[in-house]
PDB file of N, CA and C in Angstrom:
ATOM      1  N   MET A   1      -3.034  -4.030 -33.347  1.00  0.00           N
ATOM      2  CA  MET A   1      -2.123  -2.999 -32.896  1.00  0.00           C
ATOM      3  C   MET A   1      -2.456  -2.681 -31.448  1.00  0.00           C
ATOM      4  N   ALA A   2      -1.530  -2.873 -30.557  1.00  0.00           N
ATOM      5  CA  ALA A   2      -1.744  -2.640 -29.128  1.00  0.00           C
ATOM      6  C   ALA A   2      -1.468  -1.180 -28.805  1.00  0.00           C
ATOM      7  N   SER A   3      -2.365  -0.593 -28.028  1.00  0.00           N
ATOM      8  CA  SER A   3      -2.151   0.795 -27.623  1.00  0.00           C
ATOM      9  C   SER A   3      -1.490   0.813 -26.255  1.00  0.00           C
ATOM     10  N   GLU A   4      -0.606   1.762 -26.059  1.00  0.00           N
ATOM     11  CA  GLU A   4       0.114   1.870 -24.798  1.00  0.00           C
ATOM     12  C   GLU A   4      -0.731   2.681 -23.826  1.00  0.00           C
ATOM     13  N   THR A   5      -0.840   2.202 -22.607  1.00  0.00           N
ATOM     14  CA  THR A   5      -1.632   2.916 -21.604  1.00  0.00           C
ATOM     15  C   THR A   5      -0.825   4.090 -21.069  1.00  0.00           C
ATOM     16  N   PRO A   6      -1.503   5.188 -20.748  1.00  0.00           N
ATOM     17  CA  PRO A   6      -0.785   6.354 -20.222  1.00  0.00           C
ATOM     18  C   PRO A   6      -0.243   6.055 -18.825  1.00  0.00           C
ATOM     19  N   PRO A   7       0.857   6.708 -18.448  1.00  0.00           N
ATOM     20  CA  PRO A   7       1.408   6.476 -17.107  1.00  0.00           C
ATOM     21  C   PRO A   7       0.445   6.997 -16.036  1.00  0.00           C
ATOM     22  N   LEU A   8       0.632   6.504 -14.835  1.00  0.00           N
ATOM     23  CA  LEU A   8      -0.223   6.931 -13.727  1.00  0.00           C
ATOM     24  C   LEU A   8       0.082   8.377 -13.355  1.00  0.00           C
ATOM     25  N   PRO A   9      -0.951   9.187 -13.147  1.00  0.00           N
ATOM     26  CA  PRO A   9      -0.740  10.576 -12.740  1.00  0.00           C
ATOM     27  C   PRO A   9      -0.127  10.650 -11.333  1.00  0.00           C
ATOM     28  N   PRO A  10       0.553  11.744 -11.011  1.00  0.00           N
ATOM     29  CA  PRO A  10       1.180  11.889  -9.689  1.00  0.00           C
ATOM     30  C   PRO A  10       0.190  11.738  -8.527  1.00  0.00           C
ATOM     31  N   ASP A  11      -1.040  12.230  -8.693  1.00  0.00           N
ATOM     32  CA  ASP A  11      -2.030  12.102  -7.616  1.00  0.00           C
ATOM     33  C   ASP A  11      -2.349  10.632  -7.332  1.00  0.00           C
ATOM     34  N   ASP A  12      -2.453   9.843  -8.373  1.00  0.00           N
ATOM     35  CA  ASP A  12      -2.728   8.423  -8.200  1.00  0.00           C
ATOM     36  C   ASP A  12      -1.543   7.705  -7.555  1.00  0.00           C
ATOM     37  N   LEU A  13      -0.333   8.094  -7.949  1.00  0.00           N
ATOM     38  CA  LEU A  13       0.854   7.501  -7.339  1.00  0.00           C
ATOM     39  C   LEU A  13       0.939   7.851  -5.858  1.00  0.00           C
ATOM     40  N   GLN A  14       0.537   9.075  -5.496  1.00  0.00           N
ATOM     41  CA  GLN A  14       0.522   9.467  -4.081  1.00  0.00           C
ATOM     42  C   GLN A  14      -0.488   8.640  -3.300  1.00  0.00           C
ATOM     43  N   LEU A  15      -1.639   8.387  -3.890  1.00  0.00           N
ATOM     44  CA  LEU A  15      -2.651   7.551  -3.232  1.00  0.00           C
ATOM     45  C   LEU A  15      -2.103   6.141  -3.014  1.00  0.00           C
ATOM     46  N   LEU A  16      -1.488   5.576  -4.033  1.00  0.00           N
ATOM     47  CA  LEU A  16      -0.913   4.243  -3.897  1.00  0.00           C
ATOM     48  C   LEU A  16       0.207   4.231  -2.854  1.00  0.00           C
ATOM     49  N   ASP A  17       0.979   5.312  -2.802  1.00  0.00           N
ATOM     50  CA  ASP A  17       2.054   5.414  -1.820  1.00  0.00           C
ATOM     51  C   ASP A  17       1.484   5.445  -0.398  1.00  0.00           C
ATOM     52  N   ARG A  18       0.421   6.193  -0.193  1.00  0.00           N
ATOM     53  CA  ARG A  18      -0.215   6.243   1.137  1.00  0.00           C
ATOM     54  C   ARG A  18      -0.753   4.869   1.534  1.00  0.00           C
ATOM     55  N   LEU A  19      -1.374   4.184   0.592  1.00  0.00           N
ATOM     56  CA  LEU A  19      -1.895   2.841   0.878  1.00  0.00           C
ATOM     57  C   LEU A  19      -0.768   1.865   1.194  1.00  0.00           C
ATOM     58  N   ALA A  20       0.311   1.937   0.422  1.00  0.00           N
ATOM     59  CA  ALA A  20       1.453   1.049   0.662  1.00  0.00           C
ATOM     60  C   ALA A  20       2.069   1.330   2.032  1.00  0.00           C
ATOM     61  N   THR A  21       2.162   2.591   2.399  1.00  0.00           N
ATOM     62  CA  THR A  21       2.700   2.952   3.713  1.00  0.00           C
ATOM     63  C   THR A  21       1.846   2.356   4.820  1.00  0.00           C
ATOM     64  N   ARG A  22       0.550   2.445   4.679  1.00  0.00           N
ATOM     65  CA  ARG A  22      -0.353   1.902   5.698  1.00  0.00           C
ATOM     66  C   ARG A  22      -0.256   0.374   5.781  1.00  0.00           C
ATOM     67  N   VAL A  23      -0.142  -0.272   4.652  1.00  0.00           N
ATOM     68  CA  VAL A  23      -0.004  -1.734   4.631  1.00  0.00           C
ATOM     69  C   VAL A  23       1.254  -2.142   5.386  1.00  0.00           C
ATOM     70  N   VAL A  24       2.357  -1.422   5.160  1.00  0.00           N
ATOM     71  CA  VAL A  24       3.618  -1.748   5.830  1.00  0.00           C
ATOM     72  C   VAL A  24       3.535  -1.426   7.317  1.00  0.00           C
ATOM     73  N   GLU A  25       2.876  -0.315   7.675  1.00  0.00           N
ATOM     74  CA  GLU A  25       2.702   0.015   9.096  1.00  0.00           C
ATOM     75  C   GLU A  25       1.974  -1.103   9.836  1.00  0.00           C
ATOM     76  N   LEU A  26       1.003  -1.710   9.171  1.00  0.00           N
ATOM     77  CA  LEU A  26       0.236  -2.803   9.784  1.00  0.00           C
ATOM     78  C   LEU A  26       0.944  -4.158   9.659  1.00  0.00           C
ATOM     79  N   ARG A  27       2.095  -4.158   8.989  1.00  0.00           N
ATOM     80  CA  ARG A  27       2.875  -5.373   8.735  1.00  0.00           C
ATOM     81  C   ARG A  27       2.052  -6.432   8.004  1.00  0.00           C
ATOM     82  N   MET A  28       1.321  -5.976   7.000  1.00  0.00           N
ATOM     83  CA  MET A  28       0.471  -6.858   6.197  1.00  0.00           C
ATOM     84  C   MET A  28       1.017  -6.984   4.775  1.00  0.00           C
ATOM     85  N   GLU A  29       2.339  -6.864   4.626  1.00  0.00           N
ATOM     86  CA  GLU A  29       2.943  -6.869   3.289  1.00  0.00           C
ATOM     87  C   GLU A  29       2.666  -8.162   2.534  1.00  0.00           C
ATOM     88  N   VAL A  30       2.916  -9.278   3.185  1.00  0.00           N
ATOM     89  CA  VAL A  30       2.788 -10.570   2.498  1.00  0.00           C
ATOM     90  C   VAL A  30       1.347 -10.830   2.058  1.00  0.00           C
ATOM     91  N   PRO A  31       0.341 -10.689   2.962  1.00  0.00           N
ATOM     92  CA  PRO A  31      -1.028 -10.918   2.484  1.00  0.00           C
ATOM     93  C   PRO A  31      -1.461  -9.914   1.406  1.00  0.00           C
ATOM     94  N   ALA A  32      -1.000  -8.673   1.525  1.00  0.00           N
ATOM     95  CA  ALA A  32      -1.383  -7.664   0.529  1.00  0.00           C
ATOM     96  C   ALA A  32      -0.793  -7.993  -0.836  1.00  0.00           C
ATOM     97  N   ILE A  33       0.491  -8.342  -0.868  1.00  0.00           N
ATOM     98  CA  ILE A  33       1.131  -8.665  -2.144  1.00  0.00           C
ATOM     99  C   ILE A  33       0.513  -9.927  -2.737  1.00  0.00           C
ATOM    100  N   LEU A  34       0.282 -10.911  -1.900  1.00  0.00           N
ATOM    101  CA  LEU A  34      -0.343 -12.149  -2.380  1.00  0.00           C
ATOM    102  C   LEU A  34      -1.724 -11.860  -2.974  1.00  0.00           C
ATOM    103  N   THR A  35      -2.505 -11.047  -2.293  1.00  0.00           N
ATOM    104  CA  THR A  35      -3.838 -10.694  -2.783  1.00  0.00           C
ATOM    105  C   THR A  35      -3.757  -9.924  -4.095  1.00  0.00           C
ATOM    106  N   LEU A  36      -2.851  -8.952  -4.164  1.00  0.00           N
ATOM    107  CA  LEU A  36      -2.721  -8.158  -5.388  1.00  0.00           C
ATOM    108  C   LEU A  36      -2.247  -9.023  -6.562  1.00  0.00           C
ATOM    109  N   GLU A  37      -1.299  -9.890  -6.297  1.00  0.00           N
ATOM    110  CA  GLU A  37      -0.806 -10.759  -7.382  1.00  0.00           C
ATOM    111  C   GLU A  37      -1.908 -11.700  -7.881  1.00  0.00           C
ATOM    112  N   THR A  38      -2.696 -12.237  -6.956  1.00  0.00           N
ATOM    113  CA  THR A  38      -3.753 -13.173  -7.356  1.00  0.00           C
ATOM    114  C   THR A  38      -4.919 -12.444  -8.008  1.00  0.00           C
ATOM    115  N   ALA A  39      -5.108 -11.191  -7.653  1.00  0.00           N
ATOM    116  CA  ALA A  39      -6.256 -10.442  -8.156  1.00  0.00           C
ATOM    117  C   ALA A  39      -6.013  -9.827  -9.529  1.00  0.00           C
ATOM    118  N   LYS A  40      -4.802  -9.887 -10.033  1.00  0.00           N
ATOM    119  CA  LYS A  40      -4.521  -9.264 -11.331  1.00  0.00           C
ATOM    120  C   LYS A  40      -5.497  -9.688 -12.419  1.00  0.00           C
ATOM    121  N   PRO A  41      -5.756 -10.982 -12.591  1.00  0.00           N
ATOM    122  CA  PRO A  41      -6.693 -11.364 -13.659  1.00  0.00           C
ATOM    123  C   PRO A  41      -8.121 -10.868 -13.413  1.00  0.00           C
ATOM    124  N   LEU A  42      -8.461 -10.607 -12.173  1.00  0.00           N
ATOM    125  CA  LEU A  42      -9.820 -10.183 -11.830  1.00  0.00           C
ATOM    126  C   LEU A  42      -9.894  -8.701 -11.461  1.00  0.00           C
ATOM    127  N   SER A  43      -8.890  -7.926 -11.841  1.00  0.00           N
ATOM    128  CA  SER A  43      -8.829  -6.535 -11.408  1.00  0.00           C
ATOM    129  C   SER A  43     -10.025  -5.716 -11.900  1.00  0.00           C
ATOM    130  N   LEU A  44     -10.471  -5.944 -13.115  1.00  0.00           N
ATOM    131  CA  LEU A  44     -11.631  -5.215 -13.630  1.00  0.00           C
ATOM    132  C   LEU A  44     -12.874  -5.537 -12.802  1.00  0.00           C
ATOM    133  N   LEU A  45     -13.066  -6.809 -12.516  1.00  0.00           N
ATOM    134  CA  LEU A  45     -14.200  -7.226 -11.703  1.00  0.00           C
ATOM    135  C   LEU A  45     -14.111  -6.640 -10.288  1.00  0.00           C
ATOM    136  N   ALA A  46     -12.910  -6.612  -9.725  1.00  0.00           N
ATOM    137  CA  ALA A  46     -12.720  -6.056  -8.376  1.00  0.00           C
ATOM    138  C   ALA A  46     -13.081  -4.574  -8.339  1.00  0.00           C
ATOM    139  N   GLY A  47     -12.641  -3.824  -9.349  1.00  0.00           N
ATOM    140  CA  GLY A  47     -12.967  -2.398  -9.411  1.00  0.00           C
ATOM    141  C   GLY A  47     -14.461  -2.158  -9.540  1.00  0.00           C
ATOM    142  N   GLN A  48     -15.115  -2.937 -10.385  1.00  0.00           N
ATOM    143  CA  GLN A  48     -16.556  -2.783 -10.564  1.00  0.00           C
ATOM    144  C   GLN A  48     -17.314  -3.188  -9.298  1.00  0.00           C
ATOM    145  N   THR A  49     -16.827  -4.202  -8.601  1.00  0.00           N
ATOM    146  CA  THR A  49     -17.458  -4.625  -7.350  1.00  0.00           C
ATOM    147  C   THR A  49     -17.331  -3.527  -6.304  1.00  0.00           C
ATOM    148  N   MET A  50     -16.165  -2.879  -6.255  1.00  0.00           N
ATOM    149  CA  MET A  50     -15.982  -1.768  -5.308  1.00  0.00           C
ATOM    150  C   MET A  50     -16.963  -0.635  -5.602  1.00  0.00           C
ATOM    151  N   ILE A  51     -17.174  -0.348  -6.868  1.00  0.00           N
ATOM    152  CA  ILE A  51     -18.117   0.709  -7.237  1.00  0.00           C
ATOM    153  C   ILE A  51     -19.536   0.303  -6.847  1.00  0.00           C
ATOM    154  N   PHE A  52     -19.878  -0.960  -7.029  1.00  0.00           N
ATOM    155  CA  PHE A  52     -21.209  -1.443  -6.663  1.00  0.00           C
ATOM    156  C   PHE A  52     -21.457  -1.271  -5.160  1.00  0.00           C
ATOM    157  N   PHE A  53     -20.462  -1.580  -4.336  1.00  0.00           N
ATOM    158  CA  PHE A  53     -20.626  -1.500  -2.888  1.00  0.00           C
ATOM    159  C   PHE A  53     -20.330  -0.113  -2.314  1.00  0.00           C
ATOM    160  N   GLU A  54     -19.960   0.843  -3.150  1.00  0.00           N
ATOM    161  CA  GLU A  54     -19.595   2.169  -2.666  1.00  0.00           C
ATOM    162  C   GLU A  54     -20.664   2.816  -1.785  1.00  0.00           C
ATOM    163  N   PRO A  55     -21.948   2.802  -2.136  1.00  0.00           N
ATOM    164  CA  PRO A  55     -22.934   3.449  -1.270  1.00  0.00           C
ATOM    165  C   PRO A  55     -22.945   2.889   0.159  1.00  0.00           C
ATOM    166  N   MET A  56     -22.821   1.590   0.289  1.00  0.00           N
ATOM    167  CA  MET A  56     -22.804   0.992   1.633  1.00  0.00           C
ATOM    168  C   MET A  56     -21.528   1.360   2.372  1.00  0.00           C
ATOM    169  N   VAL A  57     -20.403   1.276   1.687  1.00  0.00           N
ATOM    170  CA  VAL A  57     -19.123   1.576   2.331  1.00  0.00           C
ATOM    171  C   VAL A  57     -19.075   3.040   2.753  1.00  0.00           C
ATOM    172  N   GLN A  58     -19.500   3.943   1.867  1.00  0.00           N
ATOM    173  CA  GLN A  58     -19.454   5.369   2.180  1.00  0.00           C
ATOM    174  C   GLN A  58     -20.437   5.747   3.288  1.00  0.00           C
ATOM    175  N   SER A  59     -21.515   4.980   3.450  1.00  0.00           N
ATOM    176  CA  SER A  59     -22.447   5.281   4.538  1.00  0.00           C
ATOM    177  C   SER A  59     -21.873   4.860   5.889  1.00  0.00           C
ATOM    178  N   LEU A  60     -20.985   3.879   5.894  1.00  0.00           N
ATOM    179  CA  LEU A  60     -20.385   3.413   7.145  1.00  0.00           C
ATOM    180  C   LEU A  60     -19.055   4.096   7.453  1.00  0.00           C
ATOM    181  N   PHE A  61     -18.263   4.348   6.416  1.00  0.00           N
ATOM    182  CA  PHE A  61     -16.928   4.914   6.599  1.00  0.00           C
ATOM    183  C   PHE A  61     -16.742   6.098   5.666  1.00  0.00           C
ATOM    184  N   SER A  62     -15.817   6.955   6.022  1.00  0.00           N
ATOM    185  CA  SER A  62     -15.507   8.090   5.158  1.00  0.00           C
ATOM    186  C   SER A  62     -14.181   7.824   4.458  1.00  0.00           C
ATOM    187  N   PHE A  63     -14.242   7.469   3.192  1.00  0.00           N
ATOM    188  CA  PHE A  63     -13.055   7.248   2.384  1.00  0.00           C
ATOM    189  C   PHE A  63     -13.098   8.222   1.209  1.00  0.00           C
ATOM    190  N   PRO A  64     -12.400   9.344   1.320  1.00  0.00           N
ATOM    191  CA  PRO A  64     -12.480  10.333   0.236  1.00  0.00           C
ATOM    192  C   PRO A  64     -11.922   9.832  -1.094  1.00  0.00           C
ATOM    193  N   ASP A  65     -10.979   8.912  -1.070  1.00  0.00           N
ATOM    194  CA  ASP A  65     -10.353   8.436  -2.304  1.00  0.00           C
ATOM    195  C   ASP A  65     -10.886   7.083  -2.752  1.00  0.00           C
ATOM    196  N   TYR A  66     -12.024   6.670  -2.238  1.00  0.00           N
ATOM    197  CA  TYR A  66     -12.562   5.337  -2.523  1.00  0.00           C
ATOM    198  C   TYR A  66     -12.800   5.128  -4.014  1.00  0.00           C
ATOM    199  N   ARG A  67     -13.494   6.066  -4.647  1.00  0.00           N
ATOM    200  CA  ARG A  67     -13.826   5.915  -6.070  1.00  0.00           C
ATOM    201  C   ARG A  67     -12.568   5.940  -6.934  1.00  0.00           C
ATOM    202  N   ARG A  68     -11.613   6.810  -6.556  1.00  0.00           N
ATOM    203  CA  ARG A  68     -10.372   6.875  -7.314  1.00  0.00           C
ATOM    204  C   ARG A  68      -9.609   5.548  -7.210  1.00  0.00           C
ATOM    205  N   PHE A  69      -9.595   4.961  -6.007  1.00  0.00           N
ATOM    206  CA  PHE A  69      -8.926   3.674  -5.840  1.00  0.00           C
ATOM    207  C   PHE A  69      -9.661   2.584  -6.612  1.00  0.00           C
ATOM    208  N   ALA A  70     -10.983   2.624  -6.621  1.00  0.00           N
ATOM    209  CA  ALA A  70     -11.759   1.634  -7.379  1.00  0.00           C
ATOM    210  C   ALA A  70     -11.413   1.709  -8.872  1.00  0.00           C
ATOM    211  N   ALA A  71     -11.211   2.910  -9.378  1.00  0.00           N
ATOM    212  CA  ALA A  71     -10.825   3.056 -10.784  1.00  0.00           C
ATOM    213  C   ALA A  71      -9.383   2.605 -11.004  1.00  0.00           C
ATOM    214  N   LEU A  72      -8.524   2.886 -10.025  1.00  0.00           N
ATOM    215  CA  LEU A  72      -7.122   2.492 -10.148  1.00  0.00           C
ATOM    216  C   LEU A  72      -6.939   0.983 -10.119  1.00  0.00           C
ATOM    217  N   ILE A  73      -7.704   0.310  -9.294  1.00  0.00           N
ATOM    218  CA  ILE A  73      -7.540  -1.137  -9.116  1.00  0.00           C
ATOM    219  C   ILE A  73      -7.823  -1.891 -10.416  1.00  0.00           C
ATOM    220  N   GLU A  74      -8.538  -1.258 -11.334  1.00  0.00           N
ATOM    221  CA  GLU A  74      -8.834  -1.884 -12.623  1.00  0.00           C
ATOM    222  C   GLU A  74      -7.634  -1.873 -13.568  1.00  0.00           C
ATOM    223  N   ARG A  75      -6.636  -1.052 -13.275  1.00  0.00           N
ATOM    224  CA  ARG A  75      -5.474  -0.932 -14.153  1.00  0.00           C
ATOM    225  C   ARG A  75      -4.338  -1.816 -13.645  1.00  0.00           C
ATOM    226  N   ARG A  76      -3.863  -2.686 -14.487  1.00  0.00           N
ATOM    227  CA  ARG A  76      -2.798  -3.622 -14.071  1.00  0.00           C
ATOM    228  C   ARG A  76      -1.517  -2.903 -13.706  1.00  0.00           C
ATOM    229  N   GLU A  77      -1.215  -1.805 -14.399  1.00  0.00           N
ATOM    230  CA  GLU A  77       0.014  -1.073 -14.070  1.00  0.00           C
ATOM    231  C   GLU A  77      -0.088  -0.440 -12.683  1.00  0.00           C
ATOM    232  N   ALA A  78      -1.307  -0.117 -12.249  1.00  0.00           N
ATOM    233  CA  ALA A  78      -1.491   0.406 -10.891  1.00  0.00           C
ATOM    234  C   ALA A  78      -1.245  -0.699  -9.863  1.00  0.00           C
ATOM    235  N   LEU A  79      -1.695  -1.909 -10.171  1.00  0.00           N
ATOM    236  CA  LEU A  79      -1.435  -3.036  -9.272  1.00  0.00           C
ATOM    237  C   LEU A  79       0.067  -3.301  -9.171  1.00  0.00           C
ATOM    238  N   GLU A  80       0.756  -3.249 -10.302  1.00  0.00           N
ATOM    239  CA  GLU A  80       2.209  -3.447 -10.298  1.00  0.00           C
ATOM    240  C   GLU A  80       2.903  -2.361  -9.484  1.00  0.00           C
ATOM    241  N   ALA A  81       2.461  -1.110  -9.664  1.00  0.00           N
ATOM    242  CA  ALA A  81       3.056  -0.002  -8.906  1.00  0.00           C
ATOM    243  C   ALA A  81       2.816  -0.177  -7.412  1.00  0.00           C
ATOM    244  N   MET A  82       1.624  -0.613  -7.048  1.00  0.00           N
ATOM    245  CA  MET A  82       1.288  -0.833  -5.635  1.00  0.00           C
ATOM    246  C   MET A  82       2.163  -1.933  -5.049  1.00  0.00           C
ATOM    247  N   ILE A  83       2.329  -3.024  -5.763  1.00  0.00           N
ATOM    248  CA  ILE A  83       3.173  -4.125  -5.292  1.00  0.00           C
ATOM    249  C   ILE A  83       4.612  -3.649  -5.110  1.00  0.00           C
ATOM    250  N   ARG A  84       5.114  -2.912  -6.095  1.00  0.00           N
ATOM    251  CA  ARG A  84       6.486  -2.405  -6.025  1.00  0.00           C
ATOM    252  C   ARG A  84       6.665  -1.477  -4.820  1.00  0.00           C
ATOM    253  N   LEU A  85       5.694  -0.573  -4.594  1.00  0.00           N
ATOM    254  CA  LEU A  85       5.775   0.342  -3.454  1.00  0.00           C
ATOM    255  C   LEU A  85       5.753  -0.409  -2.123  1.00  0.00           C
ATOM    256  N   ILE A  86       4.893  -1.393  -2.015  1.00  0.00           N
ATOM    257  CA  ILE A  86       4.823  -2.173  -0.774  1.00  0.00           C
ATOM    258  C   ILE A  86       6.150  -2.878  -0.527  1.00  0.00           C
ATOM    259  N   GLU A  87       6.714  -3.487  -1.564  1.00  0.00           N
ATOM    260  CA  GLU A  87       7.983  -4.195  -1.413  1.00  0.00           C
ATOM    261  C   GLU A  87       9.103  -3.249  -0.991  1.00  0.00           C
ATOM    262  N   GLU A  88       9.175  -2.070  -1.618  1.00  0.00           N
ATOM    263  CA  GLU A  88      10.222  -1.103  -1.278  1.00  0.00           C
ATOM    264  C   GLU A  88      10.074  -0.617   0.158  1.00  0.00           C
ATOM    265  N   LYS A  89       8.867  -0.274   0.545  1.00  0.00           N
ATOM    266  CA  LYS A  89       8.631   0.224   1.902  1.00  0.00           C
ATOM    267  C   LYS A  89       8.856  -0.877   2.942  1.00  0.00           C
ATOM    268  N   ALA A  90       8.484  -2.093   2.619  1.00  0.00           N
ATOM    269  CA  ALA A  90       8.702  -3.212   3.543  1.00  0.00           C
ATOM    270  C   ALA A  90      10.193  -3.463   3.728  1.00  0.00           C
ATOM    271  N   ASP A  91      10.964  -3.378   2.645  1.00  0.00           N
ATOM    272  CA  ASP A  91      12.410  -3.559   2.754  1.00  0.00           C
ATOM    273  C   ASP A  91      13.024  -2.485   3.644  1.00  0.00           C
ATOM    274  N   ARG A  92      12.611  -1.226   3.443  1.00  0.00           N
ATOM    275  CA  ARG A  92      13.135  -0.135   4.270  1.00  0.00           C
ATOM    276  C   ARG A  92      12.759  -0.331   5.731  1.00  0.00           C
ATOM    277  N   ALA A  93      11.516  -0.693   5.994  1.00  0.00           N
ATOM    278  CA  ALA A  93      11.060  -0.898   7.372  1.00  0.00           C
ATOM    279  C   ALA A  93      11.810  -2.053   8.023  1.00  0.00           C
ATOM    280  N   HIS A  94      12.050  -3.105   7.253  1.00  0.00           N
ATOM    281  CA  HIS A  94      12.786  -4.257   7.783  1.00  0.00           C
ATOM    282  C   HIS A  94      14.221  -3.851   8.151  1.00  0.00           C
ATOM    283  N   GLU A  95      14.867  -3.082   7.298  1.00  0.00           N
ATOM    284  CA  GLU A  95      16.224  -2.621   7.576  1.00  0.00           C
ATOM    285  C   GLU A  95      16.254  -1.710   8.808  1.00  0.00           C
ATOM    286  N   GLU A  96      15.259  -0.837   8.947  1.00  0.00           N
ATOM    287  CA  GLU A  96      15.198   0.045  10.126  1.00  0.00           C
ATOM    288  C   GLU A  96      15.011  -0.763  11.401  1.00  0.00           C
ATOM    289  N   ARG A  97      14.139  -1.765  11.356  1.00  0.00           N
ATOM    290  CA  ARG A  97      13.934  -2.611  12.536  1.00  0.00           C
ATOM    291  C   ARG A  97      15.197  -3.383  12.876  1.00  0.00           C
ATOM    292  N   ARG A  98      15.886  -3.867  11.856  1.00  0.00           N
ATOM    293  CA  ARG A  98      17.137  -4.597  12.079  1.00  0.00           C
ATOM    294  C   ARG A  98      18.188  -3.679  12.700  1.00  0.00           C
ATOM    295  N   ALA A  99      18.287  -2.440  12.216  1.00  0.00           N
ATOM    296  CA  ALA A  99      19.259  -1.485  12.751  1.00  0.00           C
ATOM    297  C   ALA A  99      18.932  -1.145  14.208  1.00  0.00           C
ATOM    298  N   ARG A 100      17.656  -0.954  14.515  1.00  0.00           N
ATOM    299  CA  ARG A 100      17.258  -0.658  15.902  1.00  0.00           C
ATOM    300  C   ARG A 100      17.575  -1.832  16.813  1.00  0.00           C
ATOM    301  N   LYS A 101      17.373  -3.038  16.312  1.00  0.00           N
ATOM    302  CA  LYS A 101      17.637  -4.231  17.119  1.00  0.00           C
ATOM    303  C   LYS A 101      19.122  -4.363  17.405  1.00  0.00           C
ATOM    304  N   LYS A 102      19.965  -4.069  16.403  1.00  0.00           N
ATOM    305  CA  LYS A 102      21.411  -4.122  16.593  1.00  0.00           C
ATOM    306  C   LYS A 102      21.880  -3.084  17.593  1.00  0.00           C
ATOM    307  N   ALA A 103      21.263  -1.893  17.552  1.00  0.00           N
ATOM    308  CA  ALA A 103      21.672  -0.805  18.444  1.00  0.00           C
ATOM    309  C   ALA A 103      21.345  -1.126  19.892  1.00  0.00           C
ATOM    310  N   GLY A 104      20.378  -1.987  20.105  1.00  0.00           N
ATOM    311  CA  GLY A 104      20.003  -2.356  21.468  1.00  0.00           C
ATOM    312  C   GLY A 104      19.045  -1.342  22.060  1.00  0.00           C
ATOM    313  N   PRO A 105      18.558  -1.637  23.268  1.00  0.00           N
ATOM    314  CA  PRO A 105      17.600  -0.723  23.884  1.00  0.00           C
ATOM    315  C   PRO A 105      18.276   0.579  24.318  1.00  0.00           C
ATOM    316  N   LYS A 106      17.548   1.657  24.191  1.00  0.00           N
ATOM    317  CA  LYS A 106      18.050   2.963  24.611  1.00  0.00           C
ATOM    318  C   LYS A 106      17.731   3.152  26.082  1.00  0.00           C
ATOM    319  N   PRO A 107      18.642   3.801  26.818  1.00  0.00           N
ATOM    320  CA  PRO A 107      18.345   4.046  28.229  1.00  0.00           C
ATOM    321  C   PRO A 107      17.240   5.089  28.359  1.00  0.00           C
ATOM    322  N   PRO A 108      16.491   5.053  29.454  1.00  0.00           N
ATOM    323  CA  PRO A 108      15.437   6.046  29.651  1.00  0.00           C
ATOM    324  C   PRO A 108      16.025   7.454  29.689  1.00  0.00           C
ATOM    325  N   ALA A 109      15.204   8.439  29.409  1.00  0.00           N
ATOM    326  CA  ALA A 109      15.648   9.830  29.391  1.00  0.00           C
ATOM    327  C   ALA A 109      16.185  10.216  30.760  1.00  0.00           C
ATOM    328  N   GLY A 110      17.316  10.917  30.784  1.00  0.00           N
ATOM    329  CA  GLY A 110      17.908  11.366  32.027  1.00  0.00           C
ATOM    330  C   GLY A 110      18.855  10.363  32.661  1.00  0.00           C
ATOM    331  N   VAL A 111      18.929   9.149  32.129  1.00  0.00           N
ATOM    332  CA  VAL A 111      19.815   8.129  32.678  1.00  0.00           C
ATOM    333  C   VAL A 111      21.016   7.986  31.769  1.00  0.00           C
ATOM    334  N   THR A 112      22.208   8.005  32.377  1.00  0.00           N
ATOM    335  CA  THR A 112      23.427   7.855  31.582  1.00  0.00           C
ATOM    336  C   THR A 112      24.004   6.478  31.817  1.00  0.00           C
ATOM    337  N   ARG A 113      24.641   5.959  30.812  1.00  0.00           N
ATOM    338  CA  ARG A 113      25.273   4.652  30.912  1.00  0.00           C
ATOM    339  C   ARG A 113      26.669   4.791  31.511  1.00  0.00           C
ATOM    340  N   LYS A 114      27.028   3.858  32.363  1.00  0.00           N
ATOM    341  CA  LYS A 114      28.388   3.829  32.893  1.00  0.00           C
ATOM    342  C   LYS A 114      29.210   2.919  32.013  1.00  0.00           C
ATOM    343  N   VAL A 115      30.387   3.392  31.669  1.00  0.00           N
ATOM    344  CA  VAL A 115      31.248   2.610  30.798  1.00  0.00           C
ATOM    345  C   VAL A 115      32.417   2.069  31.558  1.00  0.00           C
TER     346      VAL A 115
END
């Protein structure tokens, strides 16, 4: 009898949303999605490895949500949610860039275009 896993809490979804936003800002969507898709079978190992290295990482950098992310990475539904968020945000960013490109360059402030 398979038990159903509980849905991700809103705080965890917000963390994944922030991470997805940062991935898209850096334009690293493809490597991130590829890594997440390939890491699914090893997600438990990845989470445990993150916990093992936490003391070193926390001594060098300040990541307040590090442990929470390490626990999240072990859940396959969290990986799926992260992939979905990255894809959605990447699509929106791509459409915005396309719209800006179509609009053309804006004139500098104070300069009017002659028609």
